[in-house]
C-alpha atoms as a PDB file:
ATOM      1  CA  MET A   1       0.000   0.000   0.000  1.00  0.00           C
ATOM      2  CA  ILE A   2       1.314   3.467  -0.905  1.00  0.00           C
ATOM      3  CA  LYS A   3       1.941   5.653   2.114  1.00  0.00           C
ATOM      4  CA  ARG A   4       0.321   9.060   2.255  1.00  0.00           C
ATOM      5  CA  LYS A   5       3.754  10.739   2.307  1.00  0.00           C
ATOM      6  CA  MET A   6       4.523   9.298  -1.128  1.00  0.00           C
ATOM      7  CA  LEU A   7       1.102  10.051  -2.598  1.00  0.00           C
ATOM      8  CA  LEU A   8       1.617  13.823  -2.902  1.00  0.00           C
ATOM      9  CA  PRO A   9       4.950  13.663  -4.805  1.00  0.00           C
ATOM     10  CA  LEU A  10       3.540  10.907  -7.028  1.00  0.00           C
ATOM     11  CA  LEU A  11       0.490  13.034  -7.798  1.00  0.00           C
ATOM     12  CA  GLY A  12       2.741  16.014  -8.601  1.00  0.00           C
ATOM     13  CA  VAL A  13       4.841  13.975 -11.033  1.00  0.00           C
ATOM     14  CA  SER A  14       1.686  12.630 -12.693  1.00  0.00           C
ATOM     15  CA  LEU A  15       0.193  16.090 -13.145  1.00  0.00           C
ATOM     16  CA  PHE A  16       3.495  17.407 -14.532  1.00  0.00           C
ATOM     17  CA  SER A  17       3.622  14.516 -17.024  1.00  0.00           C
ATOM     18  CA  VAL A  18       0.056  15.120 -18.197  1.00  0.00           C
ATOM     19  CA  ALA A  19       0.678  18.875 -18.541  1.00  0.00           C
ATOM     20  CA  THR A  20       3.850  18.205 -20.541  1.00  0.00           C
ATOM     21  CA  LEU A  21       2.037  15.835 -22.900  1.00  0.00           C
ATOM     22  CA  VAL A  22      -0.845  18.287 -23.394  1.00  0.00           C
ATOM     23  CA  GLY A  23       1.612  21.104 -24.110  1.00  0.00           C
ATOM     24  CA  TRP A  24       3.560  18.938 -26.552  1.00  0.00           C
ATOM     25  CA  ALA A  25       0.342  17.941 -28.369  1.00  0.00           C
ATOM     26  CA  GLN A  26      -0.738  21.579 -28.671  1.00  0.00           C
ATOM     27  CA  ASP A  27       2.660  22.595 -30.038  1.00  0.00           C
ATOM     28  CA  LYS A  28       2.331  19.955 -32.767  1.00  0.00           C
ATOM     29  CA  LYS A  29      -0.953  21.495 -33.961  1.00  0.00           C
ATOM     30  CA  GLN A  30       0.528  24.940 -34.582  1.00  0.00           C
ATOM     31  CA  PRO A  31       2.224  25.289 -37.970  1.00  0.00           C
ATOM     32  CA  VAL A  32       5.899  26.132 -37.845  1.00  0.00           C
ATOM     33  CA  GLU A  33       6.704  29.538 -39.286  1.00  0.00           C
ATOM     34  CA  GLN A  34      10.088  29.875 -40.847  1.00  0.00           C
ATOM     35  CA  GLU A  35      12.037  31.846 -43.395  1.00  0.00           C
ATOM     36  CA  ARG A  36      15.181  30.966 -45.286  1.00  0.00           C
ATOM     37  CA  GLU A  37      17.173  32.867 -47.849  1.00  0.00           C
ATOM     38  CA  ILE A  38      17.191  31.207 -51.264  1.00  0.00           C
ATOM     39  CA  LYS A  39      18.697  31.792 -54.693  1.00  0.00           C
ATOM     40  CA  GLU A  40      16.705  33.195 -57.606  1.00  0.00           C
ATOM     41  CA  ALA A  41      16.852  29.794 -59.330  1.00  0.00           C
ATOM     42  CA  GLU A  42      14.916  28.244 -56.415  1.00  0.00           C
ATOM     43  CA  VAL A  43      11.915  30.558 -56.878  1.00  0.00           C
ATOM     44  CA  PRO A  44       9.105  28.997 -58.960  1.00  0.00           C
ATOM     45  CA  LYS A  45       8.730  30.676 -62.375  1.00  0.00           C
ATOM     46  CA  ALA A  46       5.272  32.165 -61.710  1.00  0.00           C
ATOM     47  CA  ALA A  47       6.413  33.596 -58.360  1.00  0.00           C
ATOM     48  CA  LEU A  48       9.615  34.981 -59.887  1.00  0.00           C
ATOM     49  CA  ASP A  49       7.710  36.600 -62.769  1.00  0.00           C
ATOM     50  CA  ALA A  50       5.313  38.259 -60.297  1.00  0.00           C
ATOM     51  CA  LEU A  51       8.173  39.566 -58.128  1.00  0.00           C
ATOM     52  CA  LYS A  52      10.030  40.948 -61.164  1.00  0.00           C
ATOM     53  CA  LYS A  53       6.873  42.667 -62.381  1.00  0.00           C
ATOM     54  CA  LEU A  54       6.367  44.280 -58.959  1.00  0.00           C
ATOM     55  CA  ALA A  55      10.014  45.384 -58.755  1.00  0.00           C
ATOM     56  CA  ASP A  56       9.693  46.896 -62.253  1.00  0.00           C
ATOM     57  CA  LYS A  57      13.190  48.082 -63.182  1.00  0.00           C
ATOM     58  CA  ALA A  58      14.684  47.684 -59.697  1.00  0.00           C
ATOM     59  CA  ALA A  59      17.063  44.774 -59.139  1.00  0.00           C
ATOM     60  CA  ILE A  60      15.802  42.216 -56.650  1.00  0.00           C
ATOM     61  CA  THR A  61      18.595  41.941 -54.098  1.00  0.00           C
ATOM     62  CA  GLU A  62      17.318  39.064 -51.963  1.00  0.00           C
ATOM     63  CA  PHE A  63      14.949  36.120 -52.233  1.00  0.00           C
ATOM     64  CA  ALA A  64      13.438  34.103 -49.405  1.00  0.00           C
ATOM     65  CA  GLU A  65      11.124  31.162 -48.949  1.00  0.00           C
ATOM     66  CA  GLU A  66       8.705  31.623 -46.061  1.00  0.00           C
ATOM     67  CA  ILE A  67       6.313  29.255 -44.394  1.00  0.00           C
ATOM     68  CA  GLU A  68       3.459  31.068 -42.695  1.00  0.00           C
ATOM     69  CA  HIS A  69       0.188  29.586 -41.477  1.00  0.00           C
ATOM     70  CA  GLY A  70       1.270  26.262 -42.966  1.00  0.00           C
ATOM     71  CA  HIS A  71       1.638  27.716 -46.492  1.00  0.00           C
ATOM     72  CA  LYS A  72       4.769  28.364 -48.534  1.00  0.00           C
ATOM     73  CA  PHE A  73       5.411  31.843 -49.946  1.00  0.00           C
ATOM     74  CA  TYR A  74       8.242  33.550 -51.804  1.00  0.00           C
ATOM     75  CA  GLU A  75       9.609  36.982 -50.944  1.00  0.00           C
ATOM     76  CA  GLY A  76      11.671  39.359 -53.007  1.00  0.00           C
ATOM     77  CA  SER A  77      13.398  42.500 -51.712  1.00  0.00           C
ATOM     78  CA  TRP A  78      14.616  45.558 -53.597  1.00  0.00           C
ATOM     79  CA  LYS A  79      15.346  49.233 -53.074  1.00  0.00           C
ATOM     80  CA  GLY A  80      12.385  51.556 -53.532  1.00  0.00           C
ATOM     81  CA  ALA A  81      12.175  55.347 -53.635  1.00  0.00           C
ATOM     82  CA  ALA A  82      12.285  55.744 -49.829  1.00  0.00           C
ATOM     83  CA  GLY A  83      14.001  52.511 -48.806  1.00  0.00           C
ATOM     84  CA  ASN A  84      13.515  48.778 -48.842  1.00  0.00           C
ATOM     85  CA  VAL A  85      10.519  47.076 -50.468  1.00  0.00           C
ATOM     86  CA  ASP A  86       9.498  43.477 -49.712  1.00  0.00           C
ATOM     87  CA  ALA A  87       6.845  41.594 -51.660  1.00  0.00           C
ATOM     88  CA  LEU A  88       5.365  38.242 -50.701  1.00  0.00           C
ATOM     89  CA  VAL A  89       3.739  36.023 -53.360  1.00  0.00           C
ATOM     90  CA  THR A  90       2.400  32.482 -53.638  1.00  0.00           C
ATOM     91  CA  ASP A  91       4.147  29.880 -55.759  1.00  0.00           C
ATOM     92  CA  THR A  92       1.592  30.632 -58.496  1.00  0.00           C
ATOM     93  CA  GLY A  93       2.459  34.343 -58.443  1.00  0.00           C
ATOM     94  CA  ASP A  94      -0.530  35.709 -56.526  1.00  0.00           C
ATOM     95  CA  ILE A  95       0.416  38.792 -54.493  1.00  0.00           C
ATOM     96  CA  VAL A  96      -0.071  38.316 -50.743  1.00  0.00           C
ATOM     97  CA  GLU A  97       1.447  41.528 -49.370  1.00  0.00           C
ATOM     98  CA  ILE A  98       3.813  44.363 -50.117  1.00  0.00           C
ATOM     99  CA  GLU A  99       5.792  46.257 -47.462  1.00  0.00           C
ATOM    100  CA  GLU A 100       7.618  49.410 -48.400  1.00  0.00           C
ATOM    101  CA  VAL A 101       9.507  51.962 -46.332  1.00  0.00           C
ATOM    102  CA  ILE A 102       7.880  55.378 -46.672  1.00  0.00           C
ATOM    103  CA  PRO A 103       8.717  58.867 -45.396  1.00  0.00           C
ATOM    104  CA  THR A 104       6.752  60.208 -42.429  1.00  0.00           C
ATOM    105  CA  ASP A 105       5.037  62.875 -44.533  1.00  0.00           C
ATOM    106  CA  LYS A 106       3.357  60.097 -46.573  1.00  0.00           C
ATOM    107  CA  VAL A 107       1.718  58.602 -43.451  1.00  0.00           C
ATOM    108  CA  PRO A 108      -1.871  59.716 -42.716  1.00  0.00           C
ATOM    109  CA  ALA A 109      -2.083  62.293 -39.912  1.00  0.00           C
ATOM    110  CA  ALA A 110      -4.355  60.086 -37.783  1.00  0.00           C
ATOM    111  CA  ALA A 111      -1.798  57.238 -37.836  1.00  0.00           C
ATOM    112  CA  ARG A 112       1.060  59.619 -36.983  1.00  0.00           C
ATOM    113  CA  ALA A 113      -0.929  61.090 -34.073  1.00  0.00           C
ATOM    114  CA  GLU A 114      -1.731  57.643 -32.661  1.00  0.00           C
ATOM    115  CA  VAL A 115       1.926  56.574 -32.784  1.00  0.00           C
ATOM    116  CA  GLU A 116       3.018  59.852 -31.192  1.00  0.00           C
ATOM    117  CA  LYS A 117       0.709  59.085 -28.251  1.00  0.00           C
ATOM    118  CA  ALA A 118       2.098  55.564 -27.895  1.00  0.00           C
ATOM    119  CA  ALA A 119       5.802  56.148 -28.621  1.00  0.00           C
ATOM    120  CA  GLY A 120       6.260  59.783 -27.635  1.00  0.00           C
ATOM    121  CA  LYS A 121       7.107  62.860 -29.722  1.00  0.00           C
ATOM    122  CA  ASP A 122      10.858  62.214 -29.731  1.00  0.00           C
ATOM    123  CA  ALA A 123      10.723  58.540 -30.713  1.00  0.00           C
ATOM    124  CA  LYS A 124      12.716  57.570 -33.783  1.00  0.00           C
ATOM    125  CA  LEU A 125      10.247  55.993 -36.212  1.00  0.00           C
ATOM    126  CA  MET A 126      10.616  54.002 -39.401  1.00  0.00           C
ATOM    127  CA  TRP A 127       7.351  53.775 -41.293  1.00  0.00           C
ATOM    128  CA  GLU A 128       6.377  50.971 -43.640  1.00  0.00           C
ATOM    129  CA  LYS A 129       3.274  50.914 -45.753  1.00  0.00           C
ATOM    130  CA  LYS A 130       1.828  47.411 -45.753  1.00  0.00           C
ATOM    131  CA  THR A 131      -0.544  46.453 -48.542  1.00  0.00           C
ATOM    132  CA  VAL A 132      -2.316  43.154 -47.898  1.00  0.00           C
ATOM    133  CA  VAL A 133      -4.348  41.392 -50.580  1.00  0.00           C
ATOM    134  CA  MET A 134      -7.619  39.704 -49.605  1.00  0.00           C
ATOM    135  CA  TYR A 135     -10.606  38.504 -51.571  1.00  0.00           C
ATOM    136  CA  GLU A 136     -14.213  39.003 -50.551  1.00  0.00           C
ATOM    137  CA  VAL A 137     -17.013  36.848 -51.912  1.00  0.00           C
ATOM    138  CA  HIS A 138     -20.795  37.053 -51.448  1.00  0.00           C
ATOM    139  CA  PHE A 139     -23.101  34.114 -52.076  1.00  0.00           C
ATOM    140  CA  LYS A 140     -26.446  32.653 -51.115  1.00  0.00           C
ATOM    141  CA  LYS A 141     -26.772  29.216 -49.585  1.00  0.00           C
ATOM    142  CA  ASP A 142     -29.970  27.717 -48.210  1.00  0.00           C
ATOM    143  CA  GLY A 143     -31.701  31.042 -48.818  1.00  0.00           C
ATOM    144  CA  LYS A 144     -29.259  32.975 -46.639  1.00  0.00           C
ATOM    145  CA  GLY A 145     -26.690  35.550 -47.705  1.00  0.00           C
ATOM    146  CA  HIS A 146     -23.083  34.822 -46.830  1.00  0.00           C
ATOM    147  CA  GLU A 147     -19.824  36.711 -47.087  1.00  0.00           C
ATOM    148  CA  MET A 148     -16.309  35.343 -46.825  1.00  0.00           C
ATOM    149  CA  ILE A 149     -12.949  37.089 -46.830  1.00  0.00           C
ATOM    150  CA  LEU A 150      -9.993  34.976 -47.929  1.00  0.00           C
ATOM    151  CA  THR A 151      -6.263  35.334 -48.340  1.00  0.00           C
ATOM    152  CA  PRO A 152      -4.659  34.340 -51.665  1.00  0.00           C
ATOM    153  CA  ASP A 153      -3.664  30.984 -50.129  1.00  0.00           C
ATOM    154  CA  GLY A 154      -7.284  30.221 -49.192  1.00  0.00           C
ATOM    155  CA  ARG A 155      -7.335  31.009 -45.465  1.00  0.00           C
ATOM    156  CA  ARG A 156     -10.637  32.432 -44.239  1.00  0.00           C
ATOM    157  CA  ILE A 157     -10.146  35.769 -42.470  1.00  0.00           C
ATOM    158  CA  GLU A 158     -13.585  36.718 -41.197  1.00  0.00           C
ATOM    159  CA  GLU A 159     -17.283  36.482 -41.776  1.00  0.00           C
ATOM    160  CA  PRO A 160     -19.892  39.031 -40.753  1.00  0.00           C
ATOM    161  CA  LYS A 161     -21.327  38.375 -37.325  1.00  0.00           C
ATOM    162  CA  ASP A 162     -24.718  39.661 -38.393  1.00  0.00           C
ATOM    163  CA  GLU A 163     -26.309  37.435 -41.069  1.00  0.00           C
ATOM    164  CA  LYS A 164     -29.047  40.055 -41.656  1.00  0.00           C
ATOM    165  CA  GLU A 165     -26.323  42.498 -42.695  1.00  0.00           C
ATOM    166  CA  ALA A 166     -25.001  39.988 -45.253  1.00  0.00           C
ATOM    167  CA  GLU A 167     -28.523  39.285 -46.539  1.00  0.00           C
ATOM    168  CA  GLU A 168     -29.195  43.027 -46.944  1.00  0.00           C
ATOM    169  CA  LYS A 169     -25.918  43.420 -48.801  1.00  0.00           C
ATOM    170  CA  ASP A 170     -26.898  40.576 -51.143  1.00  0.00           C
ATOM    171  CA  LYS A 171     -30.335  42.132 -51.763  1.00  0.00           C
ATOM    172  CA  ASP A 172     -28.671  45.434 -52.629  1.00  0.00           C
ATOM    173  CA  GLU A 173     -26.419  43.629 -55.125  1.00  0.00           C
ATOM    174  CA  ASP A 174     -29.330  41.776 -56.836  1.00  0.00           C
END
């Protein structure tokens, strides 16, 4: 028979083991996000064509392969008018996002004011304009209006919380 003195440490070890296993199982569910520098030759043709079109006449100085949200993307970097520009595309060449360094005077006043409150007037700031591509679709299913917003790699971003709002939007579009 197990003595009461030994029961408490045994219970502690058991709980620790269960917590460790639960934590390990949860970690396995989350996709690993990673980025690695690659050579131009490693970029799929459609992705490379899209990056070159975005860069226009600028030379792409760096390529990377990124895994985000369980999907593979390709990034190209080049010098823009105010600094670095990074573009992220799918392997089929669909634009996911563009980040470009911009001067402070190109940032909307409301955004500058909000950052000034958070960072202080004397904070050194580097602004980037981030353009994110998403697709919105409206459809009817089972007599109800629906709306979905998706990223180029097919991830669902949000749906309206109010189905009546979506139905009214669909009626307006009919």
